């Protein structure tokens, strides 16, 4: 599973590779941080590997930041809804 190895494969093709990491890991969910969060999501929106990024974040349990275009609470909801449908 190459996409699980961050030093190889998909991460090199990410649209965020040269972006400011602070956009993807805002210090809050309010005020000026919201603009950074939306900017990060726009970058994810044009990324060719956003699905791999999201999958990586879910498999490795990333609890902070924007991954694959989704914020922490959006990924939590995705995990929760997936668990509900798997039962």
N, C-alpha and C. Protein backbone atom coordinates (compact mmCIF):
# COMPACT_ATOMS: atom_id res chain seq x y z
N UNK A 1 0.82 -1.17 0.00
CA UNK A 1 0.00 0.00 0.00
C UNK A 1 0.87 1.25 0.00
N UNK A 2 1.27 1.65 -1.17
CA UNK A 2 2.19 2.77 -1.30
C UNK A 2 1.65 4.07 -0.72
N UNK A 3 0.35 4.32 -0.81
CA UNK A 3 -0.21 5.59 -0.34
C UNK A 3 -0.11 5.73 1.17
N UNK A 4 0.20 4.64 1.88
CA UNK A 4 0.39 4.72 3.32
C UNK A 4 1.79 5.19 3.69
N UNK A 5 2.70 5.20 2.74
CA UNK A 5 4.07 5.62 3.00
C UNK A 5 4.25 7.07 2.55
N UNK A 6 4.23 8.02 3.51
CA UNK A 6 4.28 9.43 3.13
C UNK A 6 5.54 9.84 2.39
N UNK A 7 6.62 9.14 2.56
CA UNK A 7 7.86 9.53 1.89
C UNK A 7 7.87 9.09 0.43
N UNK A 8 6.86 8.36 0.02
CA UNK A 8 6.81 7.86 -1.35
C UNK A 8 5.48 8.22 -2.00
N UNK A 9 5.49 8.21 -3.29
CA UNK A 9 4.24 8.26 -4.04
C UNK A 9 3.44 9.54 -4.01
N UNK A 10 2.20 9.43 -3.59
CA UNK A 10 1.19 10.46 -3.80
C UNK A 10 1.52 11.82 -3.22
N UNK A 11 2.22 11.90 -2.10
CA UNK A 11 2.47 13.21 -1.47
C UNK A 11 3.28 14.15 -2.36
N UNK A 12 4.12 13.60 -3.20
CA UNK A 12 4.92 14.45 -4.10
C UNK A 12 4.04 15.17 -5.11
N UNK A 13 2.87 14.62 -5.42
CA UNK A 13 1.97 15.23 -6.39
C UNK A 13 0.91 16.12 -5.78
N UNK A 14 0.98 16.37 -4.48
CA UNK A 14 -0.04 17.15 -3.80
C UNK A 14 0.06 18.64 -4.16
N UNK A 15 -1.09 19.27 -4.32
CA UNK A 15 -1.13 20.70 -4.64
C UNK A 15 -0.59 21.55 -3.50
N UNK A 16 -0.57 21.02 -2.30
CA UNK A 16 -0.13 21.78 -1.12
C UNK A 16 1.36 21.66 -0.86
N UNK A 17 2.07 20.93 -1.68
CA UNK A 17 3.47 20.64 -1.38
C UNK A 17 4.30 21.89 -1.13
N UNK A 18 3.99 22.99 -1.78
CA UNK A 18 4.74 24.23 -1.58
C UNK A 18 3.94 25.30 -0.82
N UNK A 19 2.78 24.92 -0.31
CA UNK A 19 1.92 25.88 0.40
C UNK A 19 2.37 26.02 1.86
N UNK A 20 1.94 27.10 2.47
CA UNK A 20 2.23 27.35 3.88
C UNK A 20 1.49 26.32 4.74
N UNK A 21 2.21 25.51 5.51
CA UNK A 21 1.56 24.49 6.34
C UNK A 21 0.57 25.08 7.35
N UNK A 22 0.75 26.33 7.75
CA UNK A 22 -0.16 26.94 8.72
C UNK A 22 -1.57 27.07 8.17
N UNK A 23 -1.72 27.10 6.83
CA UNK A 23 -3.07 27.12 6.25
C UNK A 23 -3.82 25.84 6.58
N UNK A 24 -3.10 24.74 6.61
CA UNK A 24 -3.70 23.42 6.79
C UNK A 24 -3.83 23.02 8.26
N UNK A 25 -3.18 23.76 9.13
CA UNK A 25 -3.25 23.48 10.56
C UNK A 25 -3.52 24.79 11.31
N UNK A 26 -4.73 25.36 11.13
CA UNK A 26 -5.07 26.64 11.77
C UNK A 26 -5.12 26.48 13.30
N UNK A 27 -4.81 27.57 13.98
CA UNK A 27 -4.78 27.54 15.45
C UNK A 27 -6.17 27.59 16.07
N UNK A 28 -7.17 27.96 15.29
CA UNK A 28 -8.54 27.98 15.81
C UNK A 28 -9.52 27.76 14.66
N UNK A 29 -10.78 27.71 15.00
CA UNK A 29 -11.83 27.57 13.99
C UNK A 29 -12.67 28.83 13.89
N UNK A 30 -12.10 29.96 14.28
CA UNK A 30 -12.83 31.23 14.25
C UNK A 30 -11.91 32.35 13.80
N UNK A 31 -12.52 33.48 13.49
CA UNK A 31 -11.76 34.67 13.12
C UNK A 31 -10.90 34.48 11.88
N UNK A 32 -9.70 35.05 11.88
CA UNK A 32 -8.82 34.99 10.71
C UNK A 32 -8.44 33.56 10.30
N UNK A 33 -8.46 32.64 11.25
CA UNK A 33 -8.12 31.26 10.92
C UNK A 33 -9.10 30.66 9.92
N UNK A 34 -10.35 31.15 9.92
CA UNK A 34 -11.34 30.64 8.96
C UNK A 34 -10.94 30.94 7.52
N UNK A 35 -10.32 32.10 7.29
CA UNK A 35 -9.86 32.43 5.94
C UNK A 35 -8.77 31.47 5.50
N UNK A 36 -7.86 31.15 6.41
CA UNK A 36 -6.80 30.20 6.10
C UNK A 36 -7.36 28.81 5.83
N UNK A 37 -8.33 28.44 6.62
CA UNK A 37 -8.97 27.13 6.45
C UNK A 37 -9.64 27.03 5.08
N UNK A 38 -10.34 28.08 4.68
CA UNK A 38 -10.99 28.08 3.37
C UNK A 38 -9.96 28.11 2.24
N UNK A 39 -8.85 28.81 2.44
CA UNK A 39 -7.78 28.82 1.44
C UNK A 39 -7.19 27.43 1.28
N UNK A 40 -7.01 26.73 2.39
CA UNK A 40 -6.50 25.35 2.33
C UNK A 40 -7.46 24.45 1.57
N UNK A 41 -8.75 24.60 1.83
CA UNK A 41 -9.74 23.78 1.14
C UNK A 41 -9.77 24.07 -0.36
N UNK A 42 -9.53 25.33 -0.74
CA UNK A 42 -9.47 25.66 -2.18
C UNK A 42 -8.28 24.96 -2.82
N UNK A 43 -7.16 24.91 -2.13
CA UNK A 43 -5.98 24.21 -2.65
C UNK A 43 -6.31 22.73 -2.80
N UNK A 44 -6.95 22.14 -1.80
CA UNK A 44 -7.35 20.73 -1.88
C UNK A 44 -8.31 20.50 -3.05
N UNK A 45 -9.15 21.49 -3.32
CA UNK A 45 -10.14 21.36 -4.38
C UNK A 45 -9.53 21.22 -5.76
N UNK A 46 -8.31 21.68 -5.94
CA UNK A 46 -7.65 21.55 -7.24
C UNK A 46 -6.53 20.49 -7.22
N UNK A 47 -6.48 19.71 -6.17
CA UNK A 47 -5.41 18.72 -5.99
C UNK A 47 -5.76 17.39 -6.65
N UNK A 48 -4.80 16.86 -7.37
CA UNK A 48 -5.00 15.59 -8.07
C UNK A 48 -4.96 14.38 -7.13
N UNK A 49 -4.45 14.57 -5.92
CA UNK A 49 -4.32 13.43 -5.00
C UNK A 49 -5.12 13.64 -3.71
N UNK A 50 -6.15 14.45 -3.76
CA UNK A 50 -6.92 14.73 -2.54
C UNK A 50 -7.59 13.48 -1.97
N UNK A 51 -8.01 12.58 -2.82
CA UNK A 51 -8.63 11.33 -2.31
C UNK A 51 -7.62 10.49 -1.55
N UNK A 52 -6.40 10.39 -2.07
CA UNK A 52 -5.35 9.64 -1.39
C UNK A 52 -5.02 10.30 -0.05
N UNK A 53 -5.00 11.63 -0.05
CA UNK A 53 -4.72 12.40 1.15
C UNK A 53 -5.78 12.13 2.22
N UNK A 54 -7.03 12.19 1.83
CA UNK A 54 -8.12 11.94 2.77
C UNK A 54 -8.04 10.51 3.29
N UNK A 55 -7.81 9.56 2.41
CA UNK A 55 -7.70 8.17 2.82
C UNK A 55 -6.56 7.98 3.81
N UNK A 56 -5.42 8.59 3.53
CA UNK A 56 -4.27 8.52 4.42
C UNK A 56 -4.63 9.07 5.80
N UNK A 57 -5.31 10.22 5.84
CA UNK A 57 -5.65 10.83 7.12
C UNK A 57 -6.59 9.94 7.93
N UNK A 58 -7.51 9.28 7.26
CA UNK A 58 -8.45 8.41 7.96
C UNK A 58 -7.77 7.15 8.47
N UNK A 59 -6.93 6.56 7.65
CA UNK A 59 -6.24 5.32 8.03
C UNK A 59 -5.23 5.56 9.16
N UNK A 60 -4.55 6.69 9.11
CA UNK A 60 -3.52 6.97 10.12
C UNK A 60 -4.04 7.75 11.32
N UNK A 61 -5.33 8.08 11.33
CA UNK A 61 -5.94 8.74 12.47
C UNK A 61 -5.51 10.18 12.70
N UNK A 62 -5.29 10.91 11.61
CA UNK A 62 -4.92 12.33 11.75
C UNK A 62 -6.09 13.08 12.37
N UNK A 63 -5.86 13.69 13.51
CA UNK A 63 -6.95 14.35 14.21
C UNK A 63 -6.92 15.87 14.05
N UNK A 64 -5.89 16.41 13.45
CA UNK A 64 -5.78 17.87 13.31
C UNK A 64 -5.53 18.22 11.85
N UNK A 65 -5.98 19.41 11.49
CA UNK A 65 -5.67 19.94 10.17
C UNK A 65 -6.67 19.59 9.09
N UNK A 66 -6.38 20.16 7.92
CA UNK A 66 -7.17 19.92 6.72
C UNK A 66 -6.47 18.82 5.93
N UNK A 67 -7.16 17.75 5.64
CA UNK A 67 -6.62 16.63 4.88
C UNK A 67 -7.65 16.26 3.80
N UNK A 68 -7.23 16.22 2.57
CA UNK A 68 -8.14 15.84 1.50
C UNK A 68 -9.34 16.77 1.39
N UNK A 69 -9.17 18.00 1.84
CA UNK A 69 -10.25 18.98 1.75
C UNK A 69 -11.22 18.98 2.91
N UNK A 70 -11.00 18.13 3.90
CA UNK A 70 -11.90 18.07 5.05
C UNK A 70 -11.18 18.46 6.34
N UNK A 71 -11.88 19.22 7.17
CA UNK A 71 -11.37 19.61 8.48
C UNK A 71 -11.62 18.50 9.49
N UNK A 72 -11.10 18.69 10.70
CA UNK A 72 -11.20 17.68 11.74
C UNK A 72 -12.63 17.20 11.96
N UNK A 73 -13.55 18.15 12.15
CA UNK A 73 -14.93 17.78 12.46
C UNK A 73 -15.61 17.12 11.27
N UNK A 74 -15.22 17.48 10.06
CA UNK A 74 -15.80 16.86 8.86
C UNK A 74 -15.31 15.41 8.72
N UNK A 75 -14.05 15.18 9.04
CA UNK A 75 -13.53 13.80 8.99
C UNK A 75 -14.16 12.96 10.09
N UNK A 76 -14.37 13.57 11.26
CA UNK A 76 -15.02 12.85 12.37
C UNK A 76 -16.43 12.44 11.96
N UNK A 77 -17.16 13.34 11.32
CA UNK A 77 -18.51 13.03 10.86
C UNK A 77 -18.48 11.93 9.80
N UNK A 78 -17.51 11.99 8.91
CA UNK A 78 -17.36 10.95 7.88
C UNK A 78 -17.11 9.59 8.53
N UNK A 79 -16.21 9.55 9.51
CA UNK A 79 -15.93 8.29 10.23
C UNK A 79 -17.19 7.80 10.93
N UNK A 80 -17.90 8.71 11.57
CA UNK A 80 -19.11 8.35 12.30
C UNK A 80 -20.19 7.82 11.36
N UNK A 81 -20.39 8.49 10.24
CA UNK A 81 -21.43 8.04 9.30
C UNK A 81 -21.03 6.72 8.66
N UNK A 82 -19.75 6.52 8.43
CA UNK A 82 -19.28 5.24 7.87
C UNK A 82 -19.52 4.11 8.85
N UNK A 83 -19.25 4.36 10.12
CA UNK A 83 -19.50 3.34 11.15
C UNK A 83 -20.97 3.00 11.24
N UNK A 84 -21.84 4.01 11.12
CA UNK A 84 -23.29 3.77 11.18
C UNK A 84 -23.75 2.90 10.03
N UNK A 85 -23.21 3.12 8.85
CA UNK A 85 -23.66 2.35 7.67
C UNK A 85 -23.02 0.97 7.64
N UNK A 86 -21.88 0.78 8.33
CA UNK A 86 -21.22 -0.53 8.35
C UNK A 86 -21.86 -1.49 9.34
N UNK A 87 -22.66 -0.98 10.27
CA UNK A 87 -23.25 -1.82 11.32
C UNK A 87 -24.46 -2.57 10.80
